[in-house]
Amino acid sequence: MDIADFYRGKTILVTGGVGSIGSFLVKELLKFGPTSIRVLDNNETGLFDIEQALKSDKIRLLVGDIRDRERLTVAMEGVDIVFHAAALKHVPLCEYNPFDAVKTNVIGTQNVLDAAYTQGVRKVITISTDKAVNPSNVMGATKLLAERLTISANSYRGHKSSVFSCVRFGNVLNSRGSVVPLFSKQIQNGGPITVTHSEMRRFFMDIPSAAQLIFKAGMLSLGNEIFILKMPAARIMDLAEEMRTLLAPQHGFDPEEIPIEIVGTRIGEKIDEELLIQDETSYAYENDDMYLVLPKRLPYNVDYSHHKQVPLGFHPATMDSYSSKEARLLTREEIAVLLRSLGLLG
């Protein structure tokens, strides 16, 4: 079965459905012929905008917040699959508003899981982040808890057939609040471009790749998995320099006229991120395009051989860790190709 066949005729709920990832999921899901897509968000203007942009009678707009369990329970009646993308994701904001991060990323996730139990949702996929691995900030810590809550939900689902899994991302290029739109605006204004550390490295994926991983996870999930897309890393300084080279002339500037300033790391920020830690590699499997991490102890017997249907099948991973420090770094030429794919270069 291919992805389109799997989602055809399904009723799907996307939390955080007007965000960068959520809105793209909604747009792509429409191509698969679902029965309906419920878009839940607390952003009223964003809901109006997505309705105007997509103009589909299959979309149902739900004003609501994942902090409200009762609202979620009503929203999930008759739903087959939930993509849980709602979160507070900005590291500095979470550092200065830690309990709000807990209320959304932790309690909100538990509300999603509880509502899914109550309504007998078939699959829940929680969107996570590399910052959940060895977290050094509030956002990462809350997303780690969201992962643990999601995976643990499989242990106490009772007689219901609901399954719960996660997808773990690197940085999503050109998403709201990411460095690409920030650098682009700074270049447009003539600089300076602000980089927090000259050796800062991050894993990168574009929004379509992120969506494909989510859709594949939704199709393959049997419960308990964390799906991780294999992706390259890049130095933030290389990204800044390449964006300056390519974008400055579009705004009438000589690239050398636009300075790059090192402003210092933000609170809770790491030089490198990890997508897997050593402890997880003992329970990790891989295929051509992703890793799959399982818990040490499965709460029930599941035949994971079904996953061998994906290219090459899964086999035990041999790496000790998956850090941006050891990962292959994108060259300046590859960064330029990636930027062009985002449609930023006129």
C-alpha atoms as a PDB file:
ATOM      1  CA  MET A   1       0.000   0.000   0.000  1.00  0.00           C
ATOM      2  CA  ASP A   2       1.345   3.435  -0.849  1.00  0.00           C
ATOM      3  CA  ILE A   3       0.878   6.567   1.247  1.00  0.00           C
ATOM      4  CA  ALA A   4      -2.033   7.942  -0.776  1.00  0.00           C
ATOM      5  CA  ASP A   5      -3.943   4.659  -0.502  1.00  0.00           C
ATOM      6  CA  PHE A   6      -3.400   4.550   3.245  1.00  0.00           C
ATOM      7  CA  TYR A   7      -4.873   8.010   3.900  1.00  0.00           C
ATOM      8  CA  ARG A   8      -7.704   7.773   1.376  1.00  0.00           C
ATOM      9  CA  GLY A   9     -11.075   7.810   3.116  1.00  0.00           C
ATOM     10  CA  LYS A  10      -9.618   8.579   6.562  1.00  0.00           C
ATOM     11  CA  THR A  11     -10.734  11.289   8.983  1.00  0.00           C
ATOM     12  CA  ILE A  12      -7.628  13.090  10.212  1.00  0.00           C
ATOM     13  CA  LEU A  13      -7.060  15.709  12.923  1.00  0.00           C
ATOM     14  CA  VAL A  14      -4.019  18.000  12.843  1.00  0.00           C
ATOM     15  CA  THR A  15      -3.290  19.916  16.050  1.00  0.00           C
ATOM     16  CA  GLY A  16      -1.358  23.116  15.493  1.00  0.00           C
ATOM     17  CA  GLY A  17      -2.840  22.898  12.024  1.00  0.00           C
ATOM     18  CA  VAL A  18      -2.006  26.442  10.896  1.00  0.00           C
ATOM     19  CA  GLY A  19       1.691  26.321  11.825  1.00  0.00           C
ATOM     20  CA  SER A  20       4.488  25.792   9.321  1.00  0.00           C
ATOM     21  CA  ILE A  21       4.380  21.994   9.522  1.00  0.00           C
ATOM     22  CA  GLY A  22       0.691  21.631  10.329  1.00  0.00           C
ATOM     23  CA  SER A  23      -0.541  23.742   7.426  1.00  0.00           C
ATOM     24  CA  PHE A  24       1.687  21.885   4.958  1.00  0.00           C
ATOM     25  CA  LEU A  25       0.366  18.557   6.283  1.00  0.00           C
ATOM     26  CA  VAL A  26      -3.195  19.740   5.703  1.00  0.00           C
ATOM     27  CA  LYS A  27      -2.418  20.902   2.172  1.00  0.00           C
ATOM     28  CA  GLU A  28      -0.695  17.617   1.238  1.00  0.00           C
ATOM     29  CA  LEU A  29      -3.318  15.408   2.903  1.00  0.00           C
ATOM     30  CA  LEU A  30      -5.978  16.886   0.641  1.00  0.00           C
ATOM     31  CA  LYS A  31      -4.188  15.240  -2.309  1.00  0.00           C
ATOM     32  CA  PHE A  32      -4.740  11.778  -0.792  1.00  0.00           C
ATOM     33  CA  GLY A  33      -8.544  11.872  -0.826  1.00  0.00           C
ATOM     34  CA  PRO A  34      -9.365  11.782   2.904  1.00  0.00           C
ATOM     35  CA  THR A  35     -12.958  11.925   4.109  1.00  0.00           C
ATOM     36  CA  SER A  36     -12.174  15.051   6.128  1.00  0.00           C
ATOM     37  CA  ILE A  37      -9.315  16.930   7.751  1.00  0.00           C
ATOM     38  CA  ARG A  38      -9.957  18.667  11.057  1.00  0.00           C
ATOM     39  CA  VAL A  39      -7.630  21.601  11.626  1.00  0.00           C
ATOM     40  CA  LEU A  40      -7.367  22.498  15.302  1.00  0.00           C
ATOM     41  CA  ASP A  41      -5.546  25.640  16.391  1.00  0.00           C
ATOM     42  CA  ASN A  42      -5.938  28.552  18.812  1.00  0.00           C
ATOM     43  CA  ASN A  43      -4.951  30.993  16.042  1.00  0.00           C
ATOM     44  CA  GLU A  44      -8.271  32.284  14.702  1.00  0.00           C
ATOM     45  CA  THR A  45      -6.655  34.383  11.982  1.00  0.00           C
ATOM     46  CA  GLY A  46      -4.515  31.454  10.863  1.00  0.00           C
ATOM     47  CA  LEU A  47      -7.608  29.246  10.581  1.00  0.00           C
ATOM     48  CA  PHE A  48      -9.327  31.875   8.438  1.00  0.00           C
ATOM     49  CA  ASP A  49      -6.240  32.178   6.239  1.00  0.00           C
ATOM     50  CA  ILE A  50      -5.907  28.433   5.637  1.00  0.00           C
ATOM     51  CA  GLU A  51      -9.588  28.202   4.750  1.00  0.00           C
ATOM     52  CA  GLN A  52      -9.203  30.996   2.196  1.00  0.00           C
ATOM     53  CA  ALA A  53      -6.019  29.501   0.783  1.00  0.00           C
ATOM     54  CA  LEU A  54      -7.236  25.921   0.345  1.00  0.00           C
ATOM     55  CA  LYS A  55     -10.985  26.377  -0.229  1.00  0.00           C
ATOM     56  CA  SER A  56     -11.837  22.718   0.314  1.00  0.00           C
ATOM     57  CA  ASP A  57     -15.096  21.284   1.611  1.00  0.00           C
ATOM     58  CA  LYS A  58     -13.083  18.507   3.258  1.00  0.00           C
ATOM     59  CA  ILE A  59     -11.517  20.866   5.793  1.00  0.00           C
ATOM     60  CA  ARG A  60     -13.168  21.408   9.168  1.00  0.00           C
ATOM     61  CA  LEU A  61     -11.849  24.388  11.145  1.00  0.00           C
ATOM     62  CA  LEU A  62     -11.739  23.928  14.918  1.00  0.00           C
ATOM     63  CA  VAL A  63     -10.862  26.816  17.213  1.00  0.00           C
ATOM     64  CA  GLY A  64      -9.360  25.201  20.275  1.00  0.00           C
ATOM     65  CA  ASP A  65      -6.312  24.692  22.463  1.00  0.00           C
ATOM     66  CA  ILE A  66      -4.602  21.448  23.394  1.00  0.00           C
ATOM     67  CA  ARG A  67      -4.610  22.679  26.996  1.00  0.00           C
ATOM     68  CA  ASP A  68      -8.386  22.071  26.910  1.00  0.00           C
ATOM     69  CA  ARG A  69      -8.990  18.322  27.213  1.00  0.00           C
ATOM     70  CA  GLU A  70     -12.757  18.584  26.822  1.00  0.00           C
ATOM     71  CA  ARG A  71     -12.364  20.449  23.530  1.00  0.00           C
ATOM     72  CA  LEU A  72      -9.972  17.798  22.263  1.00  0.00           C
ATOM     73  CA  THR A  73     -12.326  14.985  23.221  1.00  0.00           C
ATOM     74  CA  VAL A  74     -15.133  16.520  21.177  1.00  0.00           C
ATOM     75  CA  ALA A  75     -12.751  17.284  18.286  1.00  0.00           C
ATOM     76  CA  MET A  76     -11.579  13.649  18.062  1.00  0.00           C
ATOM     77  CA  GLU A  77     -14.965  11.977  17.762  1.00  0.00           C
ATOM     78  CA  GLY A  78     -14.827   9.707  14.715  1.00  0.00           C
ATOM     79  CA  VAL A  79     -11.178  10.511  13.966  1.00  0.00           C
ATOM     80  CA  ASP A  80      -8.888   7.803  12.562  1.00  0.00           C
ATOM     81  CA  ILE A  81      -5.466   9.505  12.803  1.00  0.00           C
ATOM     82  CA  VAL A  82      -4.112  12.438  14.819  1.00  0.00           C
ATOM     83  CA  PHE A  83      -0.987  14.357  13.837  1.00  0.00           C
ATOM     84  CA  HIS A  84      -0.025  16.253  16.977  1.00  0.00           C
ATOM     85  CA  ALA A  85       1.987  19.270  15.787  1.00  0.00           C
ATOM     86  CA  ALA A  86       0.869  21.879  18.338  1.00  0.00           C
ATOM     87  CA  ALA A  87       3.705  23.041  20.601  1.00  0.00           C
ATOM     88  CA  LEU A  88       5.644  25.944  22.013  1.00  0.00           C
ATOM     89  CA  LYS A  89       8.899  25.583  20.057  1.00  0.00           C
ATOM     90  CA  HIS A  90      11.015  28.719  20.518  1.00  0.00           C
ATOM     91  CA  VAL A  91      13.880  28.067  22.934  1.00  0.00           C
ATOM     92  CA  PRO A  92      14.221  31.569  24.495  1.00  0.00           C
ATOM     93  CA  LEU A  93      10.460  32.006  24.935  1.00  0.00           C
ATOM     94  CA  CYS A  94      10.214  28.648  26.687  1.00  0.00           C
ATOM     95  CA  GLU A  95      13.186  29.533  28.914  1.00  0.00           C
ATOM     96  CA  TYR A  96      11.445  32.664  30.149  1.00  0.00           C
ATOM     97  CA  ASN A  97       7.976  31.090  30.267  1.00  0.00           C
ATOM     98  CA  PRO A  98       8.763  27.577  31.496  1.00  0.00           C
ATOM     99  CA  PHE A  99       5.434  26.600  32.985  1.00  0.00           C
ATOM    100  CA  ASP A 100       3.592  27.731  29.875  1.00  0.00           C
ATOM    101  CA  ALA A 101       5.885  25.386  27.952  1.00  0.00           C
ATOM    102  CA  VAL A 102       4.926  22.611  30.394  1.00  0.00           C
ATOM    103  CA  LYS A 103       1.214  23.373  30.040  1.00  0.00           C
ATOM    104  CA  THR A 104       1.362  23.169  26.243  1.00  0.00           C
ATOM    105  CA  ASN A 105       4.098  20.641  25.458  1.00  0.00           C
ATOM    106  CA  VAL A 106       3.586  18.266  28.384  1.00  0.00           C
ATOM    107  CA  ILE A 107       0.059  18.635  29.752  1.00  0.00           C
ATOM    108  CA  GLY A 108      -1.266  19.480  26.288  1.00  0.00           C
ATOM    109  CA  THR A 109       0.276  16.307  24.875  1.00  0.00           C
ATOM    110  CA  GLN A 110      -1.261  14.229  27.662  1.00  0.00           C
ATOM    111  CA  ASN A 111      -4.616  15.820  26.864  1.00  0.00           C
ATOM    112  CA  VAL A 112      -4.217  14.755  23.230  1.00  0.00           C
ATOM    113  CA  LEU A 113      -3.415  11.194  24.311  1.00  0.00           C
ATOM    114  CA  ASP A 114      -6.314  11.033  26.774  1.00  0.00           C
ATOM    115  CA  ALA A 115      -8.777  12.343  24.202  1.00  0.00           C
ATOM    116  CA  ALA A 116      -7.487   9.792  21.692  1.00  0.00           C
ATOM    117  CA  TYR A 117      -8.075   6.966  24.191  1.00  0.00           C
ATOM    118  CA  THR A 118     -11.548   8.169  24.926  1.00  0.00           C
ATOM    119  CA  GLN A 119     -12.545   8.358  21.266  1.00  0.00           C
ATOM    120  CA  GLY A 120     -10.723   5.231  20.106  1.00  0.00           C
ATOM    121  CA  VAL A 121      -8.460   7.019  17.616  1.00  0.00           C
ATOM    122  CA  ARG A 122      -6.467   4.457  15.634  1.00  0.00           C
ATOM    123  CA  LYS A 123      -3.109   6.267  15.469  1.00  0.00           C
ATOM    124  CA  VAL A 124      -1.508   9.286  17.140  1.00  0.00           C
ATOM    125  CA  ILE A 125       1.787  10.675  15.822  1.00  0.00           C
ATOM    126  CA  THR A 126       3.491  13.250  18.067  1.00  0.00           C
ATOM    127  CA  ILE A 127       5.917  15.644  16.368  1.00  0.00           C
ATOM    128  CA  SER A 128       9.150  15.980  18.371  1.00  0.00           C
ATOM    129  CA  THR A 129      12.563  17.592  17.946  1.00  0.00           C
ATOM    130  CA  ASP A 130      16.271  16.873  18.237  1.00  0.00           C
ATOM    131  CA  LYS A 131      16.265  19.230  21.228  1.00  0.00           C
ATOM    132  CA  ALA A 132      14.535  16.428  23.168  1.00  0.00           C
ATOM    133  CA  VAL A 133      17.810  14.442  23.027  1.00  0.00           C
ATOM    134  CA  ASN A 134      20.047  15.246  26.031  1.00  0.00           C
ATOM    135  CA  PRO A 135      18.021  18.436  26.561  1.00  0.00           C
ATOM    136  CA  SER A 136      19.777  21.570  27.781  1.00  0.00           C
ATOM    137  CA  ASN A 137      16.756  23.864  27.748  1.00  0.00           C
ATOM    138  CA  VAL A 138      13.130  23.970  28.842  1.00  0.00           C
ATOM    139  CA  MET A 139      11.751  23.420  25.356  1.00  0.00           C
ATOM    140  CA  GLY A 140      13.858  20.290  24.868  1.00  0.00           C
ATOM    141  CA  ALA A 141      12.967  18.955  28.311  1.00  0.00           C
ATOM    142  CA  THR A 142       9.250  19.400  27.708  1.00  0.00           C
ATOM    143  CA  LYS A 143       9.474  17.736  24.298  1.00  0.00           C
ATOM    144  CA  LEU A 144      11.387  14.827  25.862  1.00  0.00           C
ATOM    145  CA  LEU A 145       8.511  14.406  28.293  1.00  0.00           C
ATOM    146  CA  ALA A 146       6.054  14.627  25.393  1.00  0.00           C
ATOM    147  CA  GLU A 147       7.936  11.773  23.683  1.00  0.00           C
ATOM    148  CA  ARG A 148       7.935   9.674  26.858  1.00  0.00           C
ATOM    149  CA  LEU A 149       4.238  10.291  27.453  1.00  0.00           C
ATOM    150  CA  THR A 150       3.421   9.303  23.872  1.00  0.00           C
ATOM    151  CA  ILE A 151       5.444   6.082  23.917  1.00  0.00           C
ATOM    152  CA  SER A 152       4.238   5.160  27.417  1.00  0.00           C
ATOM    153  CA  ALA A 153       0.641   5.600  26.289  1.00  0.00           C
ATOM    154  CA  ASN A 154       0.951   2.238  24.531  1.00  0.00           C
ATOM    155  CA  SER A 155       1.392   0.578  27.952  1.00  0.00           C
ATOM    156  CA  TYR A 156      -1.989   1.526  29.347  1.00  0.00           C
ATOM    157  CA  ARG A 157      -4.303   1.651  26.381  1.00  0.00           C
ATOM    158  CA  GLY A 158      -6.258  -1.324  27.755  1.00  0.00           C
ATOM    159  CA  HIS A 159      -8.399  -3.226  25.263  1.00  0.00           C
ATOM    160  CA  LYS A 160      -8.393  -0.381  22.751  1.00  0.00           C
ATOM    161  CA  SER A 161      -6.425  -0.690  19.534  1.00  0.00           C
ATOM    162  CA  SER A 162      -5.025   2.865  19.516  1.00  0.00           C
ATOM    163  CA  VAL A 163      -1.275   3.116  18.851  1.00  0.00           C
ATOM    164  CA  PHE A 164       1.050   5.999  19.691  1.00  0.00           C
ATOM    165  CA  SER A 165       4.356   6.937  18.046  1.00  0.00           C
ATOM    166  CA  CYS A 166       6.671   9.924  17.573  1.00  0.00           C
ATOM    167  CA  VAL A 167       8.570  11.624  14.779  1.00  0.00           C
ATOM    168  CA  ARG A 168      11.804  13.406  15.760  1.00  0.00           C
ATOM    169  CA  PHE A 169      12.970  16.306  13.570  1.00  0.00           C
ATOM    170  CA  GLY A 170      16.025  18.430  13.082  1.00  0.00           C
ATOM    171  CA  ASN A 171      15.624  22.117  12.184  1.00  0.00           C
ATOM    172  CA  VAL A 172      12.965  22.668   9.544  1.00  0.00           C
ATOM    173  CA  LEU A 173      14.231  25.123   6.943  1.00  0.00           C
ATOM    174  CA  ASN A 174      12.133  28.214   6.325  1.00  0.00           C
ATOM    175  CA  SER A 175       9.626  27.397   9.062  1.00  0.00           C
ATOM    176  CA  ARG A 176       8.325  30.285  11.142  1.00  0.00           C
ATOM    177  CA  GLY A 177      10.942  31.665  13.508  1.00  0.00           C
ATOM    178  CA  SER A 178      13.809  29.676  11.944  1.00  0.00           C
ATOM    179  CA  VAL A 179      17.124  31.185  10.858  1.00  0.00           C
ATOM    180  CA  VAL A 180      16.393  31.265   7.108  1.00  0.00           C
ATOM    181  CA  PRO A 181      13.581  33.854   7.260  1.00  0.00           C
ATOM    182  CA  LEU A 182      15.534  35.741   9.960  1.00  0.00           C
ATOM    183  CA  PHE A 183      18.708  35.935   7.860  1.00  0.00           C
ATOM    184  CA  SER A 184      16.664  36.807   4.778  1.00  0.00           C
ATOM    185  CA  LYS A 185      15.068  39.780   6.530  1.00  0.00           C
ATOM    186  CA  GLN A 186      18.411  40.919   7.951  1.00  0.00           C
ATOM    187  CA  ILE A 187      19.983  40.797   4.480  1.00  0.00           C
ATOM    188  CA  GLN A 188      17.060  42.702   3.000  1.00  0.00           C
ATOM    189  CA  ASN A 189      17.657  45.436   5.597  1.00  0.00           C
ATOM    190  CA  GLY A 190      21.384  45.605   4.817  1.00  0.00           C
ATOM    191  CA  GLY A 191      22.521  43.637   7.847  1.00  0.00           C
ATOM    192  CA  PRO A 192      23.988  42.785  10.148  1.00  0.00           C
ATOM    193  CA  ILE A 193      23.374  39.040  10.021  1.00  0.00           C
ATOM    194  CA  THR A 194      23.415  37.749  13.589  1.00  0.00           C
ATOM    195  CA  VAL A 195      24.969  34.345  14.282  1.00  0.00           C
ATOM    196  CA  THR A 196      25.155  33.116  17.864  1.00  0.00           C
ATOM    197  CA  HIS A 197      28.378  31.070  17.527  1.00  0.00           C
ATOM    198  CA  SER A 198      30.833  30.574  14.673  1.00  0.00           C
ATOM    199  CA  GLU A 199      30.829  26.761  15.084  1.00  0.00           C
ATOM    200  CA  MET A 200      27.097  26.269  15.614  1.00  0.00           C
ATOM    201  CA  ARG A 201      25.902  23.207  13.677  1.00  0.00           C
ATOM    202  CA  ARG A 202      22.367  21.970  13.115  1.00  0.00           C
ATOM    203  CA  PHE A 203      20.549  19.160  11.328  1.00  0.00           C
ATOM    204  CA  PHE A 204      18.346  20.485   8.542  1.00  0.00           C
ATOM    205  CA  MET A 205      15.346  19.232   6.609  1.00  0.00           C
ATOM    206  CA  ASP A 206      12.885  21.060   4.405  1.00  0.00           C
ATOM    207  CA  ILE A 207       9.149  21.139   5.061  1.00  0.00           C
ATOM    208  CA  PRO A 208       8.221  18.637   2.288  1.00  0.00           C
ATOM    209  CA  SER A 209      10.759  16.122   3.675  1.00  0.00           C
ATOM    210  CA  ALA A 210       9.351  16.620   7.160  1.00  0.00           C
ATOM    211  CA  ALA A 211       5.831  16.001   5.894  1.00  0.00           C
ATOM    212  CA  GLN A 212       6.849  12.846   4.032  1.00  0.00           C
ATOM    213  CA  LEU A 213       8.428  11.458   7.201  1.00  0.00           C
ATOM    214  CA  ILE A 214       5.238  12.176   9.148  1.00  0.00           C
ATOM    215  CA  PHE A 215       3.056  10.515   6.520  1.00  0.00           C
ATOM    216  CA  LYS A 216       5.321   7.467   6.367  1.00  0.00           C
ATOM    217  CA  ALA A 217       5.331   7.219  10.158  1.00  0.00           C
ATOM    218  CA  GLY A 218       1.545   7.368  10.209  1.00  0.00           C
ATOM    219  CA  MET A 219       1.362   4.517   7.712  1.00  0.00           C
ATOM    220  CA  LEU A 220       4.050   2.284   9.275  1.00  0.00           C
ATOM    221  CA  SER A 221       3.387   2.892  12.955  1.00  0.00           C
ATOM    222  CA  LEU A 222       2.511  -0.107  15.093  1.00  0.00           C
ATOM    223  CA  GLY A 223       3.025   1.775  18.355  1.00  0.00           C
ATOM    224  CA  ASN A 224       6.116   2.644  20.471  1.00  0.00           C
ATOM    225  CA  GLU A 225       8.319   3.871  17.596  1.00  0.00           C
ATOM    226  CA  ILE A 226      10.293   7.082  17.281  1.00  0.00           C
ATOM    227  CA  PHE A 227      10.882   7.736  13.577  1.00  0.00           C
ATOM    228  CA  ILE A 228      13.940   9.841  12.669  1.00  0.00           C
ATOM    229  CA  LEU A 229      14.735  11.031   9.161  1.00  0.00           C
ATOM    230  CA  LYS A 230      18.362  10.673   8.101  1.00  0.00           C
ATOM    231  CA  MET A 231      19.563  14.167   7.300  1.00  0.00           C
ATOM    232  CA  PRO A 232      22.776  16.133   6.851  1.00  0.00           C
ATOM    233  CA  ALA A 233      23.925  18.955   9.098  1.00  0.00           C
ATOM    234  CA  ALA A 234      25.236  22.402   8.250  1.00  0.00           C
ATOM    235  CA  ARG A 235      27.280  25.091   9.961  1.00  0.00           C
ATOM    236  CA  ILE A 236      25.062  28.087  10.647  1.00  0.00           C
ATOM    237  CA  MET A 237      27.965  30.329   9.593  1.00  0.00           C
ATOM    238  CA  ASP A 238      28.125  28.600   6.184  1.00  0.00           C
ATOM    239  CA  LEU A 239      24.379  29.082   5.804  1.00  0.00           C
ATOM    240  CA  ALA A 240      24.661  32.782   6.695  1.00  0.00           C
ATOM    241  CA  GLU A 241      27.545  33.342   4.285  1.00  0.00           C
ATOM    242  CA  GLU A 242      25.824  31.548   1.415  1.00  0.00           C
ATOM    243  CA  MET A 243      22.563  33.405   1.968  1.00  0.00           C
ATOM    244  CA  ARG A 244      24.488  36.676   1.991  1.00  0.00           C
ATOM    245  CA  THR A 245      26.217  35.779  -1.293  1.00  0.00           C
ATOM    246  CA  LEU A 246      22.989  34.793  -3.016  1.00  0.00           C
ATOM    247  CA  LEU A 247      20.467  37.265  -1.593  1.00  0.00           C
ATOM    248  CA  ALA A 248      22.392  40.515  -1.094  1.00  0.00           C
ATOM    249  CA  PRO A 249      22.508  41.402  -4.831  1.00  0.00           C
ATOM    250  CA  GLN A 250      18.722  40.966  -5.044  1.00  0.00           C
ATOM    251  CA  HIS A 251      18.358  43.856  -2.602  1.00  0.00           C
ATOM    252  CA  GLY A 252      21.014  46.075  -4.149  1.00  0.00           C
ATOM    253  CA  PHE A 253      23.856  45.241  -1.769  1.00  0.00           C
ATOM    254  CA  ASP A 254      27.378  44.003  -2.279  1.00  0.00           C
ATOM    255  CA  PRO A 255      27.608  40.839  -0.136  1.00  0.00           C
ATOM    256  CA  GLU A 256      30.813  42.111   1.467  1.00  0.00           C
ATOM    257  CA  GLU A 257      28.957  45.217   2.646  1.00  0.00           C
ATOM    258  CA  ILE A 258      26.720  43.155   4.918  1.00  0.00           C
ATOM    259  CA  PRO A 259      28.511  42.213   8.150  1.00  0.00           C
ATOM    260  CA  ILE A 260      28.027  38.974  10.042  1.00  0.00           C
ATOM    261  CA  GLU A 261      28.069  39.519  13.803  1.00  0.00           C
ATOM    262  CA  ILE A 262      28.699  36.850  16.433  1.00  0.00           C
ATOM    263  CA  VAL A 263      26.235  37.725  19.190  1.00  0.00           C
ATOM    264  CA  GLY A 264      26.777  34.838  21.633  1.00  0.00           C
ATOM    265  CA  THR A 265      24.764  31.729  22.364  1.00  0.00           C
ATOM    266  CA  ARG A 266      21.268  32.146  23.726  1.00  0.00           C
ATOM    267  CA  ILE A 267      20.206  30.706  27.053  1.00  0.00           C
ATOM    268  CA  GLY A 268      19.798  26.939  26.802  1.00  0.00           C
ATOM    269  CA  GLU A 269      21.397  26.749  23.339  1.00  0.00           C
ATOM    270  CA  LYS A 270      23.899  24.025  22.347  1.00  0.00           C
ATOM    271  CA  ILE A 271      26.697  24.181  19.795  1.00  0.00           C
ATOM    272  CA  ASP A 272      25.593  20.793  18.403  1.00  0.00           C
ATOM    273  CA  GLU A 273      22.360  18.811  18.472  1.00  0.00           C
ATOM    274  CA  GLU A 274      21.805  15.047  18.561  1.00  0.00           C
ATOM    275  CA  LEU A 275      19.101  12.943  16.951  1.00  0.00           C
ATOM    276  CA  LEU A 276      20.099   9.711  18.696  1.00  0.00           C
ATOM    277  CA  ILE A 277      22.001   9.021  21.899  1.00  0.00           C
ATOM    278  CA  GLN A 278      24.180   5.997  22.537  1.00  0.00           C
ATOM    279  CA  ASP A 279      21.613   4.305  24.761  1.00  0.00           C
ATOM    280  CA  GLU A 280      19.030   4.470  21.971  1.00  0.00           C
ATOM    281  CA  THR A 281      21.292   2.929  19.357  1.00  0.00           C
ATOM    282  CA  SER A 282      20.975  -0.451  21.086  1.00  0.00           C
ATOM    283  CA  TYR A 283      17.303  -0.400  20.112  1.00  0.00           C
ATOM    284  CA  ALA A 284      17.585   1.431  16.786  1.00  0.00           C
ATOM    285  CA  TYR A 285      16.992   0.104  13.311  1.00  0.00           C
ATOM    286  CA  GLU A 286      17.506   1.754   9.974  1.00  0.00           C
ATOM    287  CA  ASN A 287      16.623   1.729   6.309  1.00  0.00           C
ATOM    288  CA  ASP A 288      17.680   3.967   3.448  1.00  0.00           C
ATOM    289  CA  ASP A 289      16.047   7.133   4.711  1.00  0.00           C
ATOM    290  CA  MET A 290      15.212   6.811   8.403  1.00  0.00           C
ATOM    291  CA  TYR A 291      16.066   5.390  11.790  1.00  0.00           C
ATOM    292  CA  LEU A 292      13.506   3.693  14.007  1.00  0.00           C
ATOM    293  CA  VAL A 293      13.970   3.681  17.800  1.00  0.00           C
ATOM    294  CA  LEU A 294      12.009   1.289  20.019  1.00  0.00           C
ATOM    295  CA  PRO A 295      11.777   1.239  23.831  1.00  0.00           C
ATOM    296  CA  LYS A 296      13.945  -1.217  25.772  1.00  0.00           C
ATOM    297  CA  ARG A 297      10.904  -3.166  26.877  1.00  0.00           C
ATOM    298  CA  LEU A 298       7.795  -3.438  24.752  1.00  0.00           C
ATOM    299  CA  PRO A 299       4.543  -3.511  26.742  1.00  0.00           C
ATOM    300  CA  TYR A 300       2.992  -6.102  24.428  1.00  0.00           C
ATOM    301  CA  ASN A 301       4.021  -8.408  21.619  1.00  0.00           C
ATOM    302  CA  VAL A 302       4.192  -6.701  18.235  1.00  0.00           C
ATOM    303  CA  ASP A 303       5.508  -8.146  15.009  1.00  0.00           C
ATOM    304  CA  TYR A 304       7.855  -5.400  13.805  1.00  0.00           C
ATOM    305  CA  SER A 305       8.783  -7.424  10.736  1.00  0.00           C
ATOM    306  CA  HIS A 306       6.080  -5.407   8.985  1.00  0.00           C
ATOM    307  CA  HIS A 307       8.598  -2.600   8.855  1.00  0.00           C
ATOM    308  CA  LYS A 308      10.728  -4.669   6.509  1.00  0.00           C
ATOM    309  CA  GLN A 309       8.369  -3.613   3.764  1.00  0.00           C
ATOM    310  CA  VAL A 310      10.225  -0.305   3.559  1.00  0.00           C
ATOM    311  CA  PRO A 311      13.425  -0.177   1.406  1.00  0.00           C
ATOM    312  CA  LEU A 312      16.106  -2.702   2.491  1.00  0.00           C
ATOM    313  CA  GLY A 313      14.305  -3.503   5.738  1.00  0.00           C
ATOM    314  CA  PHE A 314      15.432  -2.423   9.194  1.00  0.00           C
ATOM    315  CA  HIS A 315      18.576  -3.803  10.768  1.00  0.00           C
ATOM    316  CA  PRO A 316      20.430  -2.866  13.959  1.00  0.00           C
ATOM    317  CA  ALA A 317      22.151   0.493  13.665  1.00  0.00           C
ATOM    318  CA  THR A 318      25.904   0.415  14.196  1.00  0.00           C
ATOM    319  CA  MET A 319      26.652   4.045  15.083  1.00  0.00           C
ATOM    320  CA  ASP A 320      27.350   5.176  18.657  1.00  0.00           C
ATOM    321  CA  SER A 321      25.485   8.462  18.366  1.00  0.00           C
ATOM    322  CA  TYR A 322      23.929  10.722  15.787  1.00  0.00           C
ATOM    323  CA  SER A 323      25.272  14.216  16.468  1.00  0.00           C
ATOM    324  CA  SER A 324      25.641  17.216  14.185  1.00  0.00           C
ATOM    325  CA  LYS A 325      29.289  17.294  15.278  1.00  0.00           C
ATOM    326  CA  GLU A 326      29.983  13.946  13.563  1.00  0.00           C
ATOM    327  CA  ALA A 327      27.387  14.176  10.785  1.00  0.00           C
ATOM    328  CA  ARG A 328      28.249  14.994   7.212  1.00  0.00           C
ATOM    329  CA  LEU A 329      28.152  18.760   6.770  1.00  0.00           C
ATOM    330  CA  LEU A 330      26.554  20.323   3.729  1.00  0.00           C
ATOM    331  CA  THR A 331      28.982  22.111   1.426  1.00  0.00           C
ATOM    332  CA  ARG A 332      28.370  25.721   0.414  1.00  0.00           C
ATOM    333  CA  GLU A 333      27.289  24.442  -3.025  1.00  0.00           C
ATOM    334  CA  GLU A 334      24.772  22.050  -1.453  1.00  0.00           C
ATOM    335  CA  ILE A 335      23.446  24.825   0.767  1.00  0.00           C
ATOM    336  CA  ALA A 336      22.920  26.967  -2.348  1.00  0.00           C
ATOM    337  CA  VAL A 337      20.943  24.159  -4.007  1.00  0.00           C
ATOM    338  CA  LEU A 338      18.813  23.795  -0.869  1.00  0.00           C
ATOM    339  CA  LEU A 339      18.131  27.527  -0.707  1.00  0.00           C
ATOM    340  CA  ARG A 340      17.090  27.568  -4.345  1.00  0.00           C
ATOM    341  CA  SER A 341      14.660  24.728  -3.646  1.00  0.00           C
ATOM    342  CA  LEU A 342      12.979  26.968  -1.072  1.00  0.00           C
ATOM    343  CA  GLY A 343      12.202  29.545  -3.761  1.00  0.00           C
ATOM    344  CA  LEU A 344      14.185  32.286  -2.039  1.00  0.00           C
ATOM    345  CA  LEU A 345      16.367  33.275  -4.953  1.00  0.00           C
ATOM    346  CA  GLY A 346      14.076  35.305  -7.170  1.00  0.00           C
END
